Each structure stands twice: as structure tokens, then as C-alpha cells.
N, C-alpha and C. Protein backbone atom coordinates (compact mmCIF):
# COMPACT_ATOMS: atom_id res chain seq x y z
N UNK A 1 1.10 -1.21 0.07
CA UNK A 1 -0.35 -0.16 -0.15
C UNK A 1 0.93 1.27 0.19
N UNK A 2 0.51 2.32 -0.59
CA UNK A 2 1.44 3.47 -0.99
C UNK A 2 1.10 4.57 0.35
N UNK A 3 1.82 5.15 0.12
CA UNK A 3 1.88 6.34 1.45
C UNK A 3 0.86 7.35 1.49
N UNK A 4 0.03 7.38 0.23
CA UNK A 4 -0.34 8.51 0.17
C UNK A 4 -2.10 7.92 0.33
N UNK A 5 -2.18 6.45 0.10
CA UNK A 5 -3.37 5.83 0.17
C UNK A 5 -3.08 5.12 1.83
N UNK A 6 -2.04 5.52 2.51
CA UNK A 6 -2.05 5.42 4.14
C UNK A 6 -2.52 6.28 4.73
N UNK A 7 -2.53 7.68 4.46
CA UNK A 7 -2.91 9.04 4.59
C UNK A 7 -4.08 9.33 4.51
N UNK A 8 -4.20 8.89 2.94
CA UNK A 8 -6.12 9.25 3.04
C UNK A 8 -7.06 8.50 3.47
N UNK A 9 -6.53 7.04 3.83
CA UNK A 9 -7.35 6.12 5.02
C UNK A 9 -7.47 6.58 6.39
N UNK A 10 -6.03 7.41 6.65
CA UNK A 10 -6.26 7.74 8.59
C UNK A 10 -7.11 8.74 8.42
N UNK A 11 -6.62 10.08 7.40
CA UNK A 11 -7.90 11.15 7.98
C UNK A 11 -9.09 10.70 7.36
N UNK A 12 -9.83 9.90 6.75
CA UNK A 12 -11.24 9.28 6.73
C UNK A 12 -11.85 8.35 7.12
N UNK A 13 -11.30 7.83 8.39
CA UNK A 13 -11.56 7.17 9.52
C UNK A 13 -12.34 7.63 10.39
N UNK A 14 -13.33 7.59 10.55
CA UNK A 14 -14.35 8.65 11.81
C UNK A 14 -13.77 7.55 12.81
N UNK A 15 -14.09 8.47 14.23
CA UNK A 15 -13.59 8.14 15.63
C UNK A 15 -15.27 7.25 15.89
N UNK A 16 -14.98 5.97 16.34
CA UNK A 16 -16.10 5.29 16.79
C UNK A 16 -16.66 5.59 17.99
N UNK A 17 -18.14 5.58 18.01
CA UNK A 17 -19.00 6.25 18.70
C UNK A 17 -18.76 5.49 20.18
N UNK A 18 -18.80 6.07 21.40
CA UNK A 18 -18.77 5.52 22.73
C UNK A 18 -20.37 5.39 23.10
N UNK A 19 -20.58 4.08 23.28
CA UNK A 19 -21.78 3.40 23.56
C UNK A 19 -21.62 2.83 24.86
N UNK A 20 -22.73 4.00 26.07
CA UNK A 20 -22.79 3.52 27.22
C UNK A 20 -23.91 2.89 27.84
N UNK A 21 -24.73 1.46 27.76
CA UNK A 21 -25.28 1.16 28.05
C UNK A 21 -26.13 1.44 29.40
N UNK A 22 -27.00 1.75 29.67
CA UNK A 22 -27.88 1.58 31.05
C UNK A 22 -28.24 0.11 31.35
N UNK A 23 -28.40 -0.06 32.84
CA UNK A 23 -28.58 -1.43 33.10
C UNK A 23 -29.75 -1.04 34.07
N UNK A 24 -30.31 -1.78 34.51
CA UNK A 24 -31.87 -1.63 35.15
C UNK A 24 -32.15 -2.86 35.72
N UNK A 25 -32.35 -2.93 37.05
CA UNK A 25 -32.71 -3.87 37.75
C UNK A 25 -33.75 -4.14 38.54
N UNK A 26 -34.96 -4.92 38.50
CA UNK A 26 -35.99 -5.21 39.04
C UNK A 26 -36.23 -6.26 39.95
N UNK A 27 -36.52 -5.97 41.21
CA UNK A 27 -36.47 -6.77 42.19
C UNK A 27 -37.67 -7.27 42.69
N UNK A 28 -38.17 -7.93 42.82
CA UNK A 28 -40.17 -8.18 42.85
C UNK A 28 -39.84 -10.04 44.42
N UNK A 29 -40.16 -9.17 45.04
CA UNK A 29 -40.69 -10.44 46.40
C UNK A 29 -41.58 -10.86 46.40
N UNK A 30 -41.91 -12.15 46.20
CA UNK A 30 -43.43 -12.81 46.07
C UNK A 30 -43.80 -13.46 47.03
N UNK A 31 -45.04 -13.54 47.60
CA UNK A 31 -45.74 -14.35 48.81
C UNK A 31 -46.56 -15.36 47.87
N UNK A 32 -46.03 -16.72 48.56
CA UNK A 32 -46.69 -18.13 47.90
C UNK A 32 -47.36 -18.63 48.89
N UNK A 33 -48.56 -19.33 48.08
CA UNK A 33 -49.34 -20.05 48.74
C UNK A 33 -49.76 -21.50 48.22
N UNK A 34 -49.95 -22.19 49.36
CA UNK A 34 -50.08 -24.40 48.33
C UNK A 34 -48.95 -24.45 48.14
N UNK A 35 -47.79 -24.35 48.08
CA UNK A 35 -46.48 -24.94 47.55
C UNK A 35 -46.13 -25.97 48.41
N UNK A 36 -46.22 -26.93 48.40
CA UNK A 36 -45.82 -28.43 49.15
C UNK A 36 -44.11 -28.42 49.35
N UNK A 37 -44.00 -28.09 48.18
CA UNK A 37 -42.32 -28.78 47.74
C UNK A 37 -41.43 -27.41 46.57
N UNK A 38 -40.46 -27.59 46.76
CA UNK A 38 -39.55 -26.78 46.05
C UNK A 38 -40.07 -26.72 44.14
N UNK A 39 -40.28 -27.89 44.09
CA UNK A 39 -40.63 -28.07 42.66
C UNK A 39 -41.84 -27.77 42.57
N UNK A 40 -42.97 -27.24 43.66
CA UNK A 40 -44.38 -26.47 43.08
C UNK A 40 -44.05 -25.25 43.29
N UNK A 41 -43.02 -24.80 44.12
CA UNK A 41 -42.63 -23.35 44.05
C UNK A 41 -42.21 -23.40 42.70
N UNK A 42 -41.32 -23.48 42.16
CA UNK A 42 -40.35 -23.74 40.73
C UNK A 42 -41.63 -23.76 39.64
N UNK A 43 -42.52 -24.52 39.72
CA UNK A 43 -43.58 -24.35 38.33
C UNK A 43 -44.23 -23.10 38.09
N UNK A 44 -44.23 -22.60 39.73
CA UNK A 44 -45.32 -21.36 39.60
C UNK A 44 -44.49 -20.12 38.73
N UNK A 45 -43.08 -19.87 38.46
CA UNK A 45 -42.31 -19.29 37.60
C UNK A 45 -41.70 -19.42 36.98
N UNK A 46 -42.19 -20.79 36.07
CA UNK A 46 -41.76 -21.29 34.93
C UNK A 46 -42.17 -20.14 34.07
N UNK A 47 -42.95 -19.38 34.21
CA UNK A 47 -43.44 -18.73 33.12
C UNK A 47 -41.98 -17.44 33.20
N UNK A 48 -41.85 -17.18 33.73
CA UNK A 48 -41.11 -15.85 34.38
C UNK A 48 -39.51 -16.13 33.63
N UNK A 49 -39.00 -17.75 33.99
CA UNK A 49 -37.98 -17.91 32.61
C UNK A 49 -38.15 -17.87 31.47
N UNK A 50 -39.38 -18.42 31.08
CA UNK A 50 -39.84 -19.07 29.87
C UNK A 50 -39.89 -17.84 28.79
N UNK A 51 -40.65 -17.07 29.26
CA UNK A 51 -41.44 -15.82 28.93
C UNK A 51 -39.97 -14.85 28.66
N UNK A 52 -39.27 -14.23 29.60
CA UNK A 52 -38.70 -13.29 29.60
C UNK A 52 -37.52 -13.93 29.72
N UNK A 53 -37.15 -14.69 30.63
CA UNK A 53 -35.60 -15.28 29.66
C UNK A 53 -34.68 -15.69 28.91
N UNK A 54 -35.95 -15.53 27.48
CA UNK A 54 -34.96 -15.39 26.44
C UNK A 54 -35.46 -14.49 25.94
N UNK A 55 -35.79 -13.28 26.56
CA UNK A 55 -35.46 -12.07 25.90
C UNK A 55 -33.93 -11.55 25.51
N UNK A 56 -33.33 -11.21 24.25
CA UNK A 56 -32.24 -10.66 24.14
C UNK A 56 -31.67 -9.54 24.97
N UNK A 57 -32.37 -8.75 25.79
CA UNK A 57 -31.85 -7.95 26.89
C UNK A 57 -31.95 -7.78 27.79
N UNK A 58 -32.95 -8.95 28.46
CA UNK A 58 -33.18 -9.32 29.48
C UNK A 58 -32.77 -10.58 30.43
N UNK A 59 -32.02 -10.30 31.58
CA UNK A 59 -31.71 -11.70 32.25
C UNK A 59 -32.35 -11.92 33.21
N UNK A 60 -32.64 -12.67 33.79
CA UNK A 60 -33.90 -13.11 34.52
C UNK A 60 -33.54 -14.42 35.68
N UNK A 61 -33.21 -14.35 36.99
CA UNK A 61 -32.83 -15.19 38.11
C UNK A 61 -33.36 -14.76 39.16
N UNK A 62 -33.68 -16.10 39.88
CA UNK A 62 -34.26 -16.16 41.40
C UNK A 62 -32.79 -16.12 42.21
N UNK A 63 -33.55 -14.63 43.15
CA UNK A 63 -32.16 -14.05 43.59
C UNK A 63 -32.18 -14.48 45.36
N UNK A 64 -33.22 -14.99 45.60
CA UNK A 64 -33.33 -14.81 47.05
C UNK A 64 -34.16 -16.23 47.55
N UNK A 65 -34.41 -16.30 49.10
CA UNK A 65 -35.05 -17.28 49.37
C UNK A 65 -35.54 -18.63 48.67
N UNK A 66 -34.31 -19.17 48.19
CA UNK A 66 -33.93 -19.84 47.17
C UNK A 66 -34.81 -21.36 48.05
N UNK A 67 -34.82 -21.70 49.26
CA UNK A 67 -35.22 -23.18 50.09
C UNK A 67 -36.95 -22.71 50.96
N UNK A 68 -36.63 -21.17 50.50
CA UNK A 68 -38.59 -21.30 51.21
C UNK A 68 -39.19 -21.53 50.50
N UNK A 69 -40.98 -21.70 51.15
CA UNK A 69 -41.71 -22.53 50.27
C UNK A 69 -42.87 -21.56 50.30
N UNK A 70 -42.90 -20.46 51.38
CA UNK A 70 -43.56 -19.31 51.37
C UNK A 70 -43.82 -18.29 50.21
N UNK A 71 -42.12 -17.83 50.17
CA UNK A 71 -41.89 -16.56 49.45
C UNK A 71 -40.69 -17.21 48.61
N UNK A 72 -40.59 -15.93 47.83
CA UNK A 72 -39.74 -15.93 46.35
C UNK A 72 -38.97 -14.52 46.19
N UNK A 73 -37.93 -14.84 45.89
CA UNK A 73 -37.20 -13.09 45.28
C UNK A 73 -36.49 -13.70 43.81
N UNK A 74 -37.14 -12.98 43.20
CA UNK A 74 -36.67 -12.86 41.63
C UNK A 74 -35.91 -11.42 41.36
N UNK A 75 -35.22 -11.25 40.01
CA UNK A 75 -34.63 -10.20 39.94
C UNK A 75 -34.75 -10.52 38.19
N UNK A 76 -34.88 -9.35 37.66
CA UNK A 76 -34.62 -9.00 36.27
C UNK A 76 -33.79 -7.79 35.73
N UNK A 77 -32.70 -7.88 35.05
CA UNK A 77 -32.13 -7.17 34.38
C UNK A 77 -31.91 -6.75 33.41
N UNK A 78 -31.90 -5.60 32.92
CA UNK A 78 -32.37 -5.06 31.60
C UNK A 78 -31.60 -4.27 31.39
N UNK A 79 -31.22 -4.61 29.71
CA UNK A 79 -30.04 -3.60 29.29
C UNK A 79 -30.41 -2.81 28.39
N UNK A 80 -30.18 -1.38 27.94
CA UNK A 80 -30.98 -0.67 27.34
C UNK A 80 -29.78 0.44 26.58
N UNK A 81 -30.44 1.26 26.09
CA UNK A 81 -29.60 2.58 25.28
C UNK A 81 -29.87 3.85 26.57
N UNK A 82 -30.97 3.57 27.27
CA UNK A 82 -31.09 4.99 28.23
C UNK A 82 -31.87 4.63 29.52
N UNK A 83 -31.86 5.12 30.47
CA UNK A 83 -32.23 5.51 31.64
C UNK A 83 -34.03 5.05 31.15
N UNK A 84 -34.60 6.27 30.66
CA UNK A 84 -35.82 6.10 30.34
C UNK A 84 -36.36 4.87 29.50
N UNK A 85 -35.57 4.59 28.76
CA UNK A 85 -35.89 3.11 27.77
C UNK A 85 -36.05 1.66 28.73
N UNK A 86 -34.84 2.01 29.98
CA UNK A 86 -34.98 0.99 30.60
C UNK A 86 -36.22 1.18 31.72
N UNK A 87 -36.35 2.28 31.94
CA UNK A 87 -37.76 2.62 33.02
C UNK A 87 -38.90 1.95 32.06
N UNK A 88 -39.28 2.11 30.64
CA UNK A 88 -40.28 1.94 30.45
C UNK A 88 -40.41 0.40 30.21
N UNK A 89 -39.28 -0.29 29.56
CA UNK A 89 -39.04 -1.70 29.96
C UNK A 89 -39.50 -2.59 30.92
N UNK A 90 -38.71 -2.00 32.26
CA UNK A 90 -39.34 -2.66 33.42
C UNK A 90 -40.83 -2.11 33.84
N UNK A 91 -41.35 -1.11 33.09
CA UNK A 91 -42.79 -0.76 33.60
C UNK A 91 -43.57 -1.77 33.05
N UNK A 92 -43.22 -2.42 32.03
CA UNK A 92 -44.23 -2.88 31.10
C UNK A 92 -43.92 -4.78 31.74
N UNK A 93 -42.62 -5.13 32.06
CA UNK A 93 -42.49 -6.34 32.68
C UNK A 93 -43.19 -6.54 34.05
N UNK A 94 -43.20 -5.45 34.58
CA UNK A 94 -43.78 -5.39 35.95
C UNK A 94 -45.18 -6.04 35.52
N UNK A 95 -46.05 -5.14 35.27
CA UNK A 95 -47.29 -5.31 34.89
C UNK A 95 -47.41 -6.92 34.37
N UNK A 96 -46.83 -7.32 32.96
CA UNK A 96 -46.84 -8.74 32.41
C UNK A 96 -46.61 -9.57 33.57
N UNK A 97 -45.79 -9.36 34.17
CA UNK A 97 -45.24 -10.65 35.74
C UNK A 97 -46.58 -10.75 36.71
N UNK A 98 -47.31 -9.40 36.52
CA UNK A 98 -48.20 -9.44 37.88
C UNK A 98 -49.52 -10.17 37.01
N UNK A 99 -49.63 -10.27 35.49
CA UNK A 99 -50.81 -10.75 35.01
C UNK A 99 -50.33 -12.16 34.67
N UNK A 100 -49.66 -12.62 35.00
CA UNK A 100 -49.02 -13.94 34.30
C UNK A 100 -48.49 -14.95 35.76
N UNK A 101 -48.34 -13.98 36.84
CA UNK A 101 -47.45 -15.02 37.32
C UNK A 101 -48.31 -14.89 38.81
N UNK A 102 -48.92 -16.41 39.37
CA UNK A 102 -49.76 -16.93 40.51
C UNK A 102 -49.66 -16.55 41.87
N UNK A 103 -48.85 -15.28 41.67
CA UNK A 103 -48.34 -15.40 43.24
C UNK A 103 -48.45 -13.61 43.64
N UNK A 104 -48.60 -13.63 44.91
CA UNK A 104 -48.78 -12.20 45.58
C UNK A 104 -47.50 -11.17 45.12
N UNK A 105 -47.12 -10.05 45.14
CA UNK A 105 -46.06 -9.15 44.84
C UNK A 105 -46.24 -8.25 46.10
N UNK A 106 -45.29 -8.28 46.77
CA UNK A 106 -45.17 -8.05 48.21
C UNK A 106 -44.28 -6.87 48.18
N UNK A 107 -43.05 -6.80 47.65
CA UNK A 107 -42.08 -5.24 47.79
C UNK A 107 -41.38 -5.66 45.77
N UNK A 108 -41.29 -4.26 45.49
CA UNK A 108 -40.66 -4.31 44.11
C UNK A 108 -40.00 -3.18 44.47
N UNK A 109 -38.52 -3.47 44.26
CA UNK A 109 -37.45 -2.91 44.40
C UNK A 109 -36.55 -2.19 42.64
N UNK A 110 -36.65 -0.95 42.35
CA UNK A 110 -36.04 -0.78 41.37
C UNK A 110 -34.63 -0.06 41.13
N UNK A 111 -33.67 -0.28 40.16
CA UNK A 111 -32.52 0.45 40.41
C UNK A 111 -32.20 0.69 38.94
N UNK A 112 -31.46 1.87 38.09
CA UNK A 112 -30.87 1.88 37.45
C UNK A 112 -29.62 2.41 37.11
N UNK A 113 -28.86 1.46 36.99
CA UNK A 113 -27.10 1.99 36.63
C UNK A 113 -26.46 2.05 35.77
């Protein structure tokens, strides 16, 4: 490659934009009734992992009360371009969880990082 071509390529290279994604955490504490064993407890939350666990911008995990039969704590982590986008996404997820999961929600915590 000639020196002139190297200079031309060096001049026309635009700088890469810096992308800083936002992360949002939605932690839900559930009250469960009539769960006789851990298998029954996990069955209540099958939809949580099946529906939202396959979304490319979300991660879903049980983050507390693993051995308790009467309660559960789950966290949804969302990745997005802006805090506003994350807030809207977490609002929609919270509404959907309330309508699909057969357990009372005792507490909801949100955090945008």
C-alpha cells in the first residue's frame, strides 16, 4: 500500500462512537400459597424464565429465598440505550409479571445503573 493511500485512509477514519449502555434491575418479592415442595414453587415461576429469560435484552434469576416454600425473590436485569428506555421496559415487565404469575407481589425494588 502506498504512503498516500495510508494517509488518505487515516484522514477518513471516523472515530468510533462511545456507547454506554444503561442497566436496570427490577427485584420482586413474592408471597406464595399452597406450595408443598420446591418443585411446586419452581413451577409457579416457569413462565418467568420461559417468557422473559429468552429476551435478548433481559436476564432473569431467582435471587433470594431459594429454600423457602412461602416466598420467592426474583430479579430481572434489563439492558438498554438510556435510563428512560430501561424504565419503560421495566414498567411493562412488571405489569406482565403481575398478570401472568400466580403469586402476590409484596415488594418491588428498582435500580438504574
